[in-house]
PDB file of N, CA and C in Angstrom:
ATOM      1  N   MET A   1     -66.786 -28.050  88.647  1.00  0.00           N
ATOM      2  CA  MET A   1     -67.547 -27.079  89.404  1.00  0.00           C
ATOM      3  C   MET A   1     -68.334 -27.769  90.517  1.00  0.00           C
ATOM      4  N   TRP A   2     -68.983 -28.871  90.187  1.00  0.00           N
ATOM      5  CA  TRP A   2     -69.826 -29.505  91.205  1.00  0.00           C
ATOM      6  C   TRP A   2     -69.006 -30.031  92.371  1.00  0.00           C
ATOM      7  N   ILE A   3     -67.761 -30.410  92.126  1.00  0.00           N
ATOM      8  CA  ILE A   3     -66.892 -30.849  93.221  1.00  0.00           C
ATOM      9  C   ILE A   3     -66.561 -29.659  94.113  1.00  0.00           C
ATOM     10  N   GLY A   4     -66.232 -28.525  93.488  1.00  0.00           N
ATOM     11  CA  GLY A   4     -65.925 -27.319  94.256  1.00  0.00           C
ATOM     12  C   GLY A   4     -67.093 -26.867  95.104  1.00  0.00           C
ATOM     13  N   MET A   5     -68.302 -26.932  94.536  1.00  0.00           N
ATOM     14  CA  MET A   5     -69.484 -26.516  95.289  1.00  0.00           C
ATOM     15  C   MET A   5     -69.777 -27.459  96.451  1.00  0.00           C
ATOM     16  N   ALA A   6     -69.320 -28.704  96.331  1.00  0.00           N
ATOM     17  CA  ALA A   6     -69.542 -29.668  97.405  1.00  0.00           C
ATOM     18  C   ALA A   6     -68.591 -29.446  98.585  1.00  0.00           C
ATOM     19  N   ILE A   7     -67.416 -28.850  98.302  1.00  0.00           N
ATOM     20  CA  ILE A   7     -66.436 -28.724  99.380  1.00  0.00           C
ATOM     21  C   ILE A   7     -66.179 -27.285  99.821  1.00  0.00           C
ATOM     22  N   THR A   8     -66.676 -26.313  99.069  1.00  0.00           N
ATOM     23  CA  THR A   8     -66.453 -24.918  99.436  1.00  0.00           C
ATOM     24  C   THR A   8     -67.652 -24.076  99.002  1.00  0.00           C
ATOM     25  N   SER A   9     -67.555 -22.790  99.181  1.00  0.00           N
ATOM     26  CA  SER A   9     -68.671 -21.909  98.826  1.00  0.00           C
ATOM     27  C   SER A   9     -68.742 -21.720  97.314  1.00  0.00           C
ATOM     28  N   ILE A  10     -69.900 -21.288  96.838  1.00  0.00           N
ATOM     29  CA  ILE A  10     -70.089 -21.047  95.410  1.00  0.00           C
ATOM     30  C   ILE A  10     -69.162 -19.927  94.931  1.00  0.00           C
ATOM     31  N   LYS A  11     -68.964 -18.911  95.771  1.00  0.00           N
ATOM     32  CA  LYS A  11     -68.094 -17.796  95.397  1.00  0.00           C
ATOM     33  C   LYS A  11     -66.655 -18.267  95.196  1.00  0.00           C
ATOM     34  N   THR A  12     -66.143 -19.066  96.115  1.00  0.00           N
ATOM     35  CA  THR A  12     -64.793 -19.605  96.008  1.00  0.00           C
ATOM     36  C   THR A  12     -64.677 -20.519  94.793  1.00  0.00           C
ATOM     37  N   THR A  13     -65.690 -21.327  94.555  1.00  0.00           N
ATOM     38  CA  THR A  13     -65.701 -22.218  93.401  1.00  0.00           C
ATOM     39  C   THR A  13     -65.614 -21.427  92.106  1.00  0.00           C
ATOM     40  N   PHE A  14     -66.384 -20.347  92.004  1.00  0.00           N
ATOM     41  CA  PHE A  14     -66.345 -19.518  90.798  1.00  0.00           C
ATOM     42  C   PHE A  14     -64.977 -18.881  90.609  1.00  0.00           C
ATOM     43  N   ILE A  15     -64.366 -18.406  91.677  1.00  0.00           N
ATOM     44  CA  ILE A  15     -63.039 -17.793  91.576  1.00  0.00           C
ATOM     45  C   ILE A  15     -62.016 -18.824  91.101  1.00  0.00           C
ATOM     46  N   ILE A  16     -62.057 -20.012  91.675  1.00  0.00           N
ATOM     47  CA  ILE A  16     -61.147 -21.083  91.257  1.00  0.00           C
ATOM     48  C   ILE A  16     -61.371 -21.424  89.791  1.00  0.00           C
ATOM     49  N   HIS A  17     -62.627 -21.492  89.384  1.00  0.00           N
ATOM     50  CA  HIS A  17     -62.973 -21.812  87.996  1.00  0.00           C
ATOM     51  C   HIS A  17     -62.503 -20.720  87.042  1.00  0.00           C
ATOM     52  N   LEU A  18     -62.680 -19.458  87.439  1.00  0.00           N
ATOM     53  CA  LEU A  18     -62.264 -18.333  86.598  1.00  0.00           C
ATOM     54  C   LEU A  18     -60.751 -18.287  86.404  1.00  0.00           C
ATOM     55  N   ILE A  19     -60.017 -18.737  87.391  1.00  0.00           N
ATOM     56  CA  ILE A  19     -58.557 -18.757  87.290  1.00  0.00           C
ATOM     57  C   ILE A  19     -58.069 -20.070  86.682  1.00  0.00           C
ATOM     58  N   GLY A  20     -58.649 -21.160  87.130  1.00  0.00           N
ATOM     59  CA  GLY A  20     -58.181 -22.488  86.725  1.00  0.00           C
ATOM     60  C   GLY A  20     -58.451 -22.850  85.279  1.00  0.00           C
ATOM     61  N   ALA A  21     -59.640 -22.556  84.790  1.00  0.00           N
ATOM     62  CA  ALA A  21     -60.001 -22.960  83.428  1.00  0.00           C
ATOM     63  C   ALA A  21     -59.077 -22.339  82.377  1.00  0.00           C
ATOM     64  N   PRO A  22     -58.898 -21.019  82.371  1.00  0.00           N
ATOM     65  CA  PRO A  22     -57.991 -20.469  81.353  1.00  0.00           C
ATOM     66  C   PRO A  22     -56.528 -20.861  81.573  1.00  0.00           C
ATOM     67  N   THR A  23     -56.142 -21.080  82.812  1.00  0.00           N
ATOM     68  CA  THR A  23     -54.767 -21.507  83.088  1.00  0.00           C
ATOM     69  C   THR A  23     -54.513 -22.901  82.521  1.00  0.00           C
ATOM     70  N   ILE A  24     -55.414 -23.813  82.792  1.00  0.00           N
ATOM     71  CA  ILE A  24     -55.268 -25.189  82.292  1.00  0.00           C
ATOM     72  C   ILE A  24     -55.265 -25.206  80.771  1.00  0.00           C
ATOM     73  N   PHE A  25     -56.193 -24.473  80.164  1.00  0.00           N
ATOM     74  CA  PHE A  25     -56.249 -24.462  78.704  1.00  0.00           C
ATOM     75  C   PHE A  25     -55.083 -23.690  78.098  1.00  0.00           C
ATOM     76  N   GLY A  26     -54.549 -22.709  78.803  1.00  0.00           N
ATOM     77  CA  GLY A  26     -53.340 -22.041  78.347  1.00  0.00           C
ATOM     78  C   GLY A  26     -52.161 -22.999  78.304  1.00  0.00           C
ATOM     79  N   ILE A  27     -52.066 -23.841  79.322  1.00  0.00           N
ATOM     80  CA  ILE A  27     -51.009 -24.859  79.368  1.00  0.00           C
ATOM     81  C   ILE A  27     -51.193 -25.864  78.234  1.00  0.00           C
ATOM     82  N   LEU A  28     -52.435 -26.307  78.021  1.00  0.00           N
ATOM     83  CA  LEU A  28     -52.719 -27.237  76.924  1.00  0.00           C
ATOM     84  C   LEU A  28     -52.389 -26.607  75.572  1.00  0.00           C
ATOM     85  N   ALA A  29     -52.727 -25.331  75.410  1.00  0.00           N
ATOM     86  CA  ALA A  29     -52.420 -24.632  74.166  1.00  0.00           C
ATOM     87  C   ALA A  29     -50.910 -24.523  73.961  1.00  0.00           C
ATOM     88  N   PHE A  30     -50.191 -24.251  75.043  1.00  0.00           N
ATOM     89  CA  PHE A  30     -48.734 -24.178  74.963  1.00  0.00           C
ATOM     90  C   PHE A  30     -48.160 -25.497  74.476  1.00  0.00           C
ATOM     91  N   ILE A  31     -48.607 -26.581  75.082  1.00  0.00           N
ATOM     92  CA  ILE A  31     -48.128 -27.909  74.694  1.00  0.00           C
ATOM     93  C   ILE A  31     -48.503 -28.199  73.241  1.00  0.00           C
ATOM     94  N   TYR A  32     -49.744 -27.920  72.877  1.00  0.00           N
ATOM     95  CA  TYR A  32     -50.196 -28.187  71.514  1.00  0.00           C
ATOM     96  C   TYR A  32     -49.363 -27.396  70.494  1.00  0.00           C
ATOM     97  N   HIS A  33     -49.258 -26.095  70.692  1.00  0.00           N
ATOM     98  CA  HIS A  33     -48.567 -25.263  69.708  1.00  0.00           C
ATOM     99  C   HIS A  33     -47.064 -25.530  69.678  1.00  0.00           C
ATOM    100  N   ARG A  34     -46.519 -25.963  70.776  1.00  0.00           N
ATOM    101  CA  ARG A  34     -45.080 -26.267  70.834  1.00  0.00           C
ATOM    102  C   ARG A  34     -44.778 -27.600  70.156  1.00  0.00           C
ATOM    103  N   LYS A  35     -45.624 -28.600  70.395  1.00  0.00           N
ATOM    104  CA  LYS A  35     -45.368 -29.941  69.875  1.00  0.00           C
ATOM    105  C   LYS A  35     -45.935 -30.151  68.470  1.00  0.00           C
ATOM    106  N   LEU A  36     -47.175 -29.698  68.246  1.00  0.00           N
ATOM    107  CA  LEU A  36     -47.841 -29.944  66.969  1.00  0.00           C
ATOM    108  C   LEU A  36     -48.008 -28.637  66.190  1.00  0.00           C
ATOM    109  N   GLY A  37     -48.908 -27.807  66.664  1.00  0.00           N
ATOM    110  CA  GLY A  37     -49.118 -26.495  66.090  1.00  0.00           C
ATOM    111  C   GLY A  37     -49.533 -26.475  64.638  1.00  0.00           C
ATOM    112  N   HIS A  38     -50.252 -27.487  64.194  1.00  0.00           N
ATOM    113  CA  HIS A  38     -50.685 -27.553  62.808  1.00  0.00           C
ATOM    114  C   HIS A  38     -51.774 -26.526  62.490  1.00  0.00           C
ATOM    115  N   ILE A  39     -52.498 -26.111  63.485  1.00  0.00           N
ATOM    116  CA  ILE A  39     -53.625 -25.194  63.289  1.00  0.00           C
ATOM    117  C   ILE A  39     -53.226 -23.817  63.810  1.00  0.00           C
ATOM    118  N   LYS A  40     -53.647 -22.783  63.104  1.00  0.00           N
ATOM    119  CA  LYS A  40     -53.371 -21.410  63.534  1.00  0.00           C
ATOM    120  C   LYS A  40     -54.010 -21.154  64.897  1.00  0.00           C
ATOM    121  N   PRO A  41     -53.430 -20.234  65.679  1.00  0.00           N
ATOM    122  CA  PRO A  41     -53.936 -19.964  67.032  1.00  0.00           C
ATOM    123  C   PRO A  41     -55.429 -19.623  67.086  1.00  0.00           C
ATOM    124  N   LEU A  42     -55.926 -18.858  66.134  1.00  0.00           N
ATOM    125  CA  LEU A  42     -57.348 -18.503  66.146  1.00  0.00           C
ATOM    126  C   LEU A  42     -58.221 -19.741  66.028  1.00  0.00           C
ATOM    127  N   TYR A  43     -57.901 -20.602  65.078  1.00  0.00           N
ATOM    128  CA  TYR A  43     -58.698 -21.811  64.874  1.00  0.00           C
ATOM    129  C   TYR A  43     -58.554 -22.789  66.036  1.00  0.00           C
ATOM    130  N   ALA A  44     -57.345 -22.904  66.565  1.00  0.00           N
ATOM    131  CA  ALA A  44     -57.137 -23.768  67.729  1.00  0.00           C
ATOM    132  C   ALA A  44     -57.952 -23.266  68.916  1.00  0.00           C
ATOM    133  N   SER A  45     -58.004 -21.949  69.103  1.00  0.00           N
ATOM    134  CA  SER A  45     -58.787 -21.367  70.195  1.00  0.00           C
ATOM    135  C   SER A  45     -60.265 -21.658  70.026  1.00  0.00           C
ATOM    136  N   ILE A  46     -60.746 -21.553  68.804  1.00  0.00           N
ATOM    137  CA  ILE A  46     -62.154 -21.867  68.523  1.00  0.00           C
ATOM    138  C   ILE A  46     -62.435 -23.335  68.826  1.00  0.00           C
ATOM    139  N   ILE A  47     -61.526 -24.212  68.421  1.00  0.00           N
ATOM    140  CA  ILE A  47     -61.717 -25.650  68.664  1.00  0.00           C
ATOM    141  C   ILE A  47     -61.668 -25.958  70.157  1.00  0.00           C
ATOM    142  N   PHE A  48     -60.686 -25.418  70.874  1.00  0.00           N
ATOM    143  CA  PHE A  48     -60.576 -25.666  72.316  1.00  0.00           C
ATOM    144  C   PHE A  48     -61.833 -25.176  73.035  1.00  0.00           C
ATOM    145  N   THR A  49     -62.229 -23.948  72.741  1.00  0.00           N
ATOM    146  CA  THR A  49     -63.401 -23.368  73.411  1.00  0.00           C
ATOM    147  C   THR A  49     -64.673 -24.103  73.010  1.00  0.00           C
ATOM    148  N   GLY A  50     -64.785 -24.434  71.741  1.00  0.00           N
ATOM    149  CA  GLY A  50     -65.951 -25.183  71.272  1.00  0.00           C
ATOM    150  C   GLY A  50     -66.072 -26.530  71.959  1.00  0.00           C
ATOM    151  N   PHE A  51     -64.933 -27.191  72.173  1.00  0.00           N
ATOM    152  CA  PHE A  51     -64.939 -28.471  72.884  1.00  0.00           C
ATOM    153  C   PHE A  51     -65.495 -28.302  74.299  1.00  0.00           C
ATOM    154  N   VAL A  52     -65.049 -27.257  74.996  1.00  0.00           N
ATOM    155  CA  VAL A  52     -65.523 -27.010  76.366  1.00  0.00           C
ATOM    156  C   VAL A  52     -67.022 -26.721  76.362  1.00  0.00           C
ATOM    157  N   ILE A  53     -67.470 -25.904  75.433  1.00  0.00           N
ATOM    158  CA  ILE A  53     -68.903 -25.580  75.356  1.00  0.00           C
ATOM    159  C   ILE A  53     -69.714 -26.832  75.065  1.00  0.00           C
ATOM    160  N   LEU A  54     -69.250 -27.643  74.127  1.00  0.00           N
ATOM    161  CA  LEU A  54     -69.965 -28.889  73.814  1.00  0.00           C
ATOM    162  C   LEU A  54     -69.995 -29.844  75.006  1.00  0.00           C
ATOM    163  N   MET A  55     -68.884 -29.938  75.737  1.00  0.00           N
ATOM    164  CA  MET A  55     -68.851 -30.805  76.915  1.00  0.00           C
ATOM    165  C   MET A  55     -69.795 -30.277  78.002  1.00  0.00           C
ATOM    166  N   ASP A  56     -69.800 -28.968  78.202  1.00  0.00           N
ATOM    167  CA  ASP A  56     -70.698 -28.393  79.205  1.00  0.00           C
ATOM    168  C   ASP A  56     -72.161 -28.602  78.816  1.00  0.00           C
ATOM    169  N   ALA A  57     -72.470 -28.398  77.548  1.00  0.00           N
ATOM    170  CA  ALA A  57     -73.863 -28.543  77.105  1.00  0.00           C
ATOM    171  C   ALA A  57     -74.259 -30.007  76.985  1.00  0.00           C
ATOM    172  N   GLY A  58     -73.405 -30.796  76.352  1.00  0.00           N
ATOM    173  CA  GLY A  58     -73.762 -32.181  76.059  1.00  0.00           C
ATOM    174  C   GLY A  58     -73.590 -33.153  77.196  1.00  0.00           C
ATOM    175  N   LEU A  59     -72.682 -32.870  78.101  1.00  0.00           N
ATOM    176  CA  LEU A  59     -72.437 -33.794  79.202  1.00  0.00           C
ATOM    177  C   LEU A  59     -72.900 -33.217  80.532  1.00  0.00           C
ATOM    178  N   VAL A  60     -72.344 -32.079  80.905  1.00  0.00           N
ATOM    179  CA  VAL A  60     -72.639 -31.514  82.224  1.00  0.00           C
ATOM    180  C   VAL A  60     -74.108 -31.096  82.330  1.00  0.00           C
ATOM    181  N   ALA A  61     -74.559 -30.241  81.430  1.00  0.00           N
ATOM    182  CA  ALA A  61     -75.929 -29.730  81.526  1.00  0.00           C
ATOM    183  C   ALA A  61     -76.956 -30.830  81.278  1.00  0.00           C
ATOM    184  N   LEU A  62     -76.734 -31.620  80.250  1.00  0.00           N
ATOM    185  CA  LEU A  62     -77.733 -32.611  79.857  1.00  0.00           C
ATOM    186  C   LEU A  62     -77.804 -33.805  80.801  1.00  0.00           C
ATOM    187  N   PHE A  63     -76.654 -34.347  81.182  1.00  0.00           N
ATOM    188  CA  PHE A  63     -76.667 -35.591  81.952  1.00  0.00           C
ATOM    189  C   PHE A  63     -76.393 -35.417  83.448  1.00  0.00           C
ATOM    190  N   ILE A  64     -75.542 -34.475  83.814  1.00  0.00           N
ATOM    191  CA  ILE A  64     -75.203 -34.318  85.229  1.00  0.00           C
ATOM    192  C   ILE A  64     -76.173 -33.366  85.916  1.00  0.00           C
ATOM    193  N   GLU A  65     -76.288 -32.144  85.380  1.00  0.00           N
ATOM    194  CA  GLU A  65     -77.186 -31.146  85.978  1.00  0.00           C
ATOM    195  C   GLU A  65     -78.654 -31.392  85.619  1.00  0.00           C
ATOM    196  N   LYS A  66     -78.863 -32.022  84.459  1.00  0.00           N
ATOM    197  CA  LYS A  66     -80.206 -32.248  83.920  1.00  0.00           C
ATOM    198  C   LYS A  66     -80.972 -30.929  83.747  1.00  0.00           C
ATOM    199  N   SER A  67     -80.218 -29.895  83.397  1.00  0.00           N
ATOM    200  CA  SER A  67     -80.779 -28.558  83.210  1.00  0.00           C
ATOM    201  C   SER A  67     -79.742 -27.688  82.503  1.00  0.00           C
ATOM    202  N   PHE A  68     -80.237 -26.771  81.695  1.00  0.00           N
ATOM    203  CA  PHE A  68     -79.345 -25.833  81.017  1.00  0.00           C
ATOM    204  C   PHE A  68     -79.279 -24.496  81.744  1.00  0.00           C
ATOM    205  N   ASP A  69     -79.737 -24.477  82.992  1.00  0.00           N
ATOM    206  CA  ASP A  69     -79.711 -23.248  83.788  1.00  0.00           C
ATOM    207  C   ASP A  69     -78.297 -22.714  84.005  1.00  0.00           C
ATOM    208  N   MET A  70     -77.308 -23.583  83.944  1.00  0.00           N
ATOM    209  CA  MET A  70     -75.929 -23.148  84.158  1.00  0.00           C
ATOM    210  C   MET A  70     -75.510 -22.094  83.141  1.00  0.00           C
ATOM    211  N   PHE A  71     -76.129 -22.086  81.976  1.00  0.00           N
ATOM    212  CA  PHE A  71     -75.777 -21.121  80.940  1.00  0.00           C
ATOM    213  C   PHE A  71     -76.385 -19.739  81.192  1.00  0.00           C
ATOM    214  N   ARG A  72     -77.181 -19.620  82.218  1.00  0.00           N
ATOM    215  CA  ARG A  72     -77.715 -18.318  82.616  1.00  0.00           C
ATOM    216  C   ARG A  72     -76.738 -17.551  83.500  1.00  0.00           C
ATOM    217  N   ASN A  73     -75.726 -18.222  83.992  1.00  0.00           N
ATOM    218  CA  ASN A  73     -74.756 -17.622  84.899  1.00  0.00           C
ATOM    219  C   ASN A  73     -73.485 -17.268  84.130  1.00  0.00           C
ATOM    220  N   SER A  74     -73.256 -15.980  83.926  1.00  0.00           N
ATOM    221  CA  SER A  74     -72.094 -15.570  83.131  1.00  0.00           C
ATOM    222  C   SER A  74     -70.774 -15.874  83.830  1.00  0.00           C
ATOM    223  N   ILE A  75     -70.732 -15.775  85.144  1.00  0.00           N
ATOM    224  CA  ILE A  75     -69.485 -16.038  85.874  1.00  0.00           C
ATOM    225  C   ILE A  75     -69.137 -17.532  85.837  1.00  0.00           C
ATOM    226  N   GLY A  76     -70.140 -18.363  85.809  1.00  0.00           N
ATOM    227  CA  GLY A  76     -69.904 -19.805  85.808  1.00  0.00           C
ATOM    228  C   GLY A  76     -69.669 -20.400  84.437  1.00  0.00           C
ATOM    229  N   THR A  77     -70.109 -19.713  83.370  1.00  0.00           N
ATOM    230  CA  THR A  77     -69.961 -20.296  82.035  1.00  0.00           C
ATOM    231  C   THR A  77     -69.359 -19.337  81.015  1.00  0.00           C
ATOM    232  N   TRP A  78     -70.032 -18.254  80.734  1.00  0.00           N
ATOM    233  CA  TRP A  78     -69.642 -17.403  79.604  1.00  0.00           C
ATOM    234  C   TRP A  78     -68.298 -16.705  79.808  1.00  0.00           C
ATOM    235  N   ILE A  79     -68.034 -16.215  80.986  1.00  0.00           N
ATOM    236  CA  ILE A  79     -66.741 -15.573  81.235  1.00  0.00           C
ATOM    237  C   ILE A  79     -65.606 -16.600  81.176  1.00  0.00           C
ATOM    238  N   PRO A  80     -65.754 -17.780  81.799  1.00  0.00           N
ATOM    239  CA  PRO A  80     -64.703 -18.788  81.617  1.00  0.00           C
ATOM    240  C   PRO A  80     -64.508 -19.193  80.155  1.00  0.00           C
ATOM    241  N   PHE A  81     -65.595 -19.293  79.385  1.00  0.00           N
ATOM    242  CA  PHE A  81     -65.457 -19.607  77.963  1.00  0.00           C
ATOM    243  C   PHE A  81     -64.613 -18.538  77.269  1.00  0.00           C
ATOM    244  N   ALA A  82     -64.922 -17.285  77.541  1.00  0.00           N
ATOM    245  CA  ALA A  82     -64.173 -16.182  76.928  1.00  0.00           C
ATOM    246  C   ALA A  82     -62.707 -16.210  77.362  1.00  0.00           C
ATOM    247  N   LEU A  83     -62.466 -16.488  78.630  1.00  0.00           N
ATOM    248  CA  LEU A  83     -61.091 -16.537  79.132  1.00  0.00           C
ATOM    249  C   LEU A  83     -60.319 -17.730  78.563  1.00  0.00           C
ATOM    250  N   ILE A  84     -61.001 -18.844  78.370  1.00  0.00           N
ATOM    251  CA  ILE A  84     -60.369 -20.000  77.732  1.00  0.00           C
ATOM    252  C   ILE A  84     -59.972 -19.635  76.304  1.00  0.00           C
ATOM    253  N   PHE A  85     -60.886 -18.989  75.586  1.00  0.00           N
ATOM    254  CA  PHE A  85     -60.584 -18.573  74.222  1.00  0.00           C
ATOM    255  C   PHE A  85     -59.389 -17.624  74.202  1.00  0.00           C
ATOM    256  N   LEU A  86     -59.428 -16.613  75.045  1.00  0.00           N
ATOM    257  CA  LEU A  86     -58.344 -15.626  75.069  1.00  0.00           C
ATOM    258  C   LEU A  86     -57.008 -16.244  75.461  1.00  0.00           C
ATOM    259  N   SER A  87     -57.014 -17.074  76.479  1.00  0.00           N
ATOM    260  CA  SER A  87     -55.747 -17.658  76.927  1.00  0.00           C
ATOM    261  C   SER A  87     -55.155 -18.574  75.864  1.00  0.00           C
ATOM    262  N   THR A  88     -55.977 -19.384  75.212  1.00  0.00           N
ATOM    263  CA  THR A  88     -55.443 -20.279  74.185  1.00  0.00           C
ATOM    264  C   THR A  88     -54.967 -19.490  72.968  1.00  0.00           C
ATOM    265  N   TYR A  89     -55.661 -18.408  72.637  1.00  0.00           N
ATOM    266  CA  TYR A  89     -55.256 -17.580  71.498  1.00  0.00           C
ATOM    267  C   TYR A  89     -53.941 -16.852  71.793  1.00  0.00           C
ATOM    268  N   ILE A  90     -53.858 -16.217  72.953  1.00  0.00           N
ATOM    269  CA  ILE A  90     -52.655 -15.459  73.313  1.00  0.00           C
ATOM    270  C   ILE A  90     -51.441 -16.384  73.421  1.00  0.00           C
ATOM    271  N   VAL A  91     -51.615 -17.523  74.053  1.00  0.00           N
ATOM    272  CA  VAL A  91     -50.511 -18.483  74.173  1.00  0.00           C
ATOM    273  C   VAL A  91     -50.098 -18.989  72.794  1.00  0.00           C
ATOM    274  N   GLY A  92     -51.078 -19.301  71.959  1.00  0.00           N
ATOM    275  CA  GLY A  92     -50.771 -19.780  70.611  1.00  0.00           C
ATOM    276  C   GLY A  92     -49.989 -18.751  69.809  1.00  0.00           C
ATOM    277  N   LYS A  93     -50.412 -17.486  69.878  1.00  0.00           N
ATOM    278  CA  LYS A  93     -49.694 -16.423  69.171  1.00  0.00           C
ATOM    279  C   LYS A  93     -48.272 -16.268  69.719  1.00  0.00           C
ATOM    280  N   ALA A  94     -48.137 -16.335  71.036  1.00  0.00           N
ATOM    281  CA  ALA A  94     -46.817 -16.180  71.652  1.00  0.00           C
ATOM    282  C   ALA A  94     -45.885 -17.314  71.268  1.00  0.00           C
ATOM    283  N   VAL A  95     -46.374 -18.538  71.275  1.00  0.00           N
ATOM    284  CA  VAL A  95     -45.550 -19.694  70.910  1.00  0.00           C
ATOM    285  C   VAL A  95     -45.149 -19.594  69.448  1.00  0.00           C
ATOM    286  N   ARG A  96     -46.077 -19.233  68.601  1.00  0.00           N
ATOM    287  CA  ARG A  96     -45.769 -19.084  67.168  1.00  0.00           C
ATOM    288  C   ARG A  96     -44.721 -18.009  66.945  1.00  0.00           C
ATOM    289  N   LYS A  97     -44.888 -16.883  67.630  1.00  0.00           N
ATOM    290  CA  LYS A  97     -43.945 -15.764  67.474  1.00  0.00           C
ATOM    291  C   LYS A  97     -42.556 -16.163  67.964  1.00  0.00           C
ATOM    292  N   ALA A  98     -42.501 -16.870  69.077  1.00  0.00           N
ATOM    293  CA  ALA A  98     -41.216 -17.302  69.644  1.00  0.00           C
ATOM    294  C   ALA A  98     -40.508 -18.300  68.718  1.00  0.00           C
ATOM    295  N   GLY A  99     -41.299 -19.051  67.947  1.00  0.00           N
ATOM    296  CA  GLY A  99     -40.727 -20.061  67.065  1.00  0.00           C
ATOM    297  C   GLY A  99     -40.261 -19.506  65.719  1.00  0.00           C
ATOM    298  N   GLU A 100     -40.532 -18.236  65.463  1.00  0.00           N
ATOM    299  CA  GLU A 100     -40.143 -17.652  64.165  1.00  0.00           C
ATOM    300  C   GLU A 100     -38.654 -17.437  64.073  1.00  0.00           C
TER     301      GLU A 100
END
């Protein structure tokens, strides 16, 4: 996000983030469920999303931003978290169903 804000407007950065985050994690979920898939899609989605939340809170907010204000912005954090969860869950279910 901070790179996007440095080179473009905040609005464009948010749009890229809203599209890019769930797309990237959907691809990761596809690879995971296709190659390994040891964990059910729901649990994998919780783990993927939890990892992102922990990284945002523990690394970005604490050390880079030095503030937790980013969590007040739903477009910058909460909606992408929800979309990451949904994309990883839907992809996981689809891969599992296709493999039956």
